[in-house]
Amino acid sequence: MESLFILIPIAVLFIALAIKVFFWAVDNGQFDDLEGPAHSILFEDKATKKSAQTDTCQSSEKDNHLQS
């Protein structure tokens, strides 16, 4: 019974802290664009695709040079 006098105020403080952190996150824009990052992973950037092709060509040239 005596432990409830300690545990209940601690629980109330944790709840108040969680509510404060949630509203801080909302005010700072953490929940503004939830779908953008999820969709951006599906599409490649043109710069990334271009550099990957360059790396492939360079490695093919090196392989041909080593075989000669």
C-alpha atoms as a PDB file:
ATOM      1  CA  MET A   1       0.000   0.000   0.000  1.00  0.00           C
ATOM      2  CA  GLU A   2       2.803   2.385   0.848  1.00  0.00           C
ATOM      3  CA  SER A   3       4.441   1.761  -2.523  1.00  0.00           C
ATOM      4  CA  LEU A   4       1.360   3.184  -4.261  1.00  0.00           C
ATOM      5  CA  PHE A   5       2.136   6.584  -2.736  1.00  0.00           C
ATOM      6  CA  ILE A   6       5.389   6.497  -4.707  1.00  0.00           C
ATOM      7  CA  LEU A   7       4.314   4.665  -7.865  1.00  0.00           C
ATOM      8  CA  ILE A   8       1.194   6.704  -8.683  1.00  0.00           C
ATOM      9  CA  PRO A   9       3.004  10.093  -8.759  1.00  0.00           C
ATOM     10  CA  ILE A  10       5.819   8.542 -10.810  1.00  0.00           C
ATOM     11  CA  ALA A  11       3.265   7.167 -13.304  1.00  0.00           C
ATOM     12  CA  VAL A  12       1.557  10.565 -13.523  1.00  0.00           C
ATOM     13  CA  LEU A  13       4.930  12.218 -14.199  1.00  0.00           C
ATOM     14  CA  PHE A  14       5.707   9.702 -16.967  1.00  0.00           C
ATOM     15  CA  ILE A  15       2.315  10.333 -18.578  1.00  0.00           C
ATOM     16  CA  ALA A  16       2.799  14.103 -18.389  1.00  0.00           C
ATOM     17  CA  LEU A  17       6.269  13.750 -19.907  1.00  0.00           C
ATOM     18  CA  ALA A  18       4.949  11.554 -22.740  1.00  0.00           C
ATOM     19  CA  ILE A  19       2.200  14.074 -23.522  1.00  0.00           C
ATOM     20  CA  LYS A  20       4.718  16.929 -23.516  1.00  0.00           C
ATOM     21  CA  VAL A  21       7.076  15.045 -25.873  1.00  0.00           C
ATOM     22  CA  PHE A  22       4.178  14.207 -28.197  1.00  0.00           C
ATOM     23  CA  PHE A  23       3.037  17.820 -28.473  1.00  0.00           C
ATOM     24  CA  TRP A  24       6.641  18.951 -28.963  1.00  0.00           C
ATOM     25  CA  ALA A  25       6.963  16.520 -31.873  1.00  0.00           C
ATOM     26  CA  VAL A  26       3.707  17.738 -33.420  1.00  0.00           C
ATOM     27  CA  ASP A  27       4.752  21.391 -33.093  1.00  0.00           C
ATOM     28  CA  ASN A  28       8.144  20.716 -34.694  1.00  0.00           C
ATOM     29  CA  GLY A  29       6.670  19.033 -37.764  1.00  0.00           C
ATOM     30  CA  GLN A  30       7.605  15.429 -37.062  1.00  0.00           C
ATOM     31  CA  PHE A  31       4.229  14.208 -38.328  1.00  0.00           C
ATOM     32  CA  ASP A  32       3.799  16.557 -41.313  1.00  0.00           C
ATOM     33  CA  ASP A  33       4.801  14.180 -44.119  1.00  0.00           C
ATOM     34  CA  LEU A  34       4.396  10.548 -43.126  1.00  0.00           C
ATOM     35  CA  GLU A  35       4.121   9.091 -46.643  1.00  0.00           C
ATOM     36  CA  GLY A  36       6.877  11.002 -48.456  1.00  0.00           C
ATOM     37  CA  PRO A  37       9.897   9.144 -47.056  1.00  0.00           C
ATOM     38  CA  ALA A  38       8.148   5.795 -47.529  1.00  0.00           C
ATOM     39  CA  HIS A  39       7.540   6.504 -51.218  1.00  0.00           C
ATOM     40  CA  SER A  40      10.892   8.156 -51.890  1.00  0.00           C
ATOM     41  CA  ILE A  41      12.734   4.905 -51.166  1.00  0.00           C
ATOM     42  CA  LEU A  42      10.974   3.286 -54.122  1.00  0.00           C
ATOM     43  CA  PHE A  43      12.310   5.702 -56.733  1.00  0.00           C
ATOM     44  CA  GLU A  44      15.947   6.060 -57.754  1.00  0.00           C
ATOM     45  CA  ASP A  45      17.568   9.426 -58.158  1.00  0.00           C
ATOM     46  CA  LYS A  46      18.871  10.194 -61.630  1.00  0.00           C
ATOM     47  CA  ALA A  47      22.317  11.045 -60.250  1.00  0.00           C
ATOM     48  CA  THR A  48      22.580   7.703 -58.480  1.00  0.00           C
ATOM     49  CA  LYS A  49      21.535   5.793 -61.573  1.00  0.00           C
ATOM     50  CA  LYS A  50      24.033   7.690 -63.725  1.00  0.00           C
ATOM     51  CA  SER A  51      26.957   7.047 -61.378  1.00  0.00           C
ATOM     52  CA  ALA A  52      26.088   3.339 -61.167  1.00  0.00           C
ATOM     53  CA  GLN A  53      26.292   3.067 -64.964  1.00  0.00           C
ATOM     54  CA  THR A  54      29.649   4.853 -64.978  1.00  0.00           C
ATOM     55  CA  ASP A  55      31.014   2.469 -62.340  1.00  0.00           C
ATOM     56  CA  THR A  56      29.848  -0.524 -64.375  1.00  0.00           C
ATOM     57  CA  CYS A  57      31.550   0.770 -67.534  1.00  0.00           C
ATOM     58  CA  GLN A  58      34.772   1.493 -65.688  1.00  0.00           C
ATOM     59  CA  SER A  59      34.872  -1.953 -64.088  1.00  0.00           C
ATOM     60  CA  SER A  60      34.269  -3.590 -67.504  1.00  0.00           C
ATOM     61  CA  GLU A  61      37.164  -1.627 -68.994  1.00  0.00           C
ATOM     62  CA  LYS A  62      39.429  -2.702 -66.129  1.00  0.00           C
ATOM     63  CA  ASP A  63      38.431  -6.351 -66.590  1.00  0.00           C
ATOM     64  CA  ASN A  64      39.165  -6.166 -70.322  1.00  0.00           C
ATOM     65  CA  HIS A  65      42.522  -4.552 -69.650  1.00  0.00           C
ATOM     66  CA  LEU A  66      43.482  -7.245 -67.126  1.00  0.00           C
ATOM     67  CA  GLN A  67      42.525 -10.069 -69.493  1.00  0.00           C
ATOM     68  CA  SER A  68      44.746  -8.734 -72.299  1.00  0.00           C
END
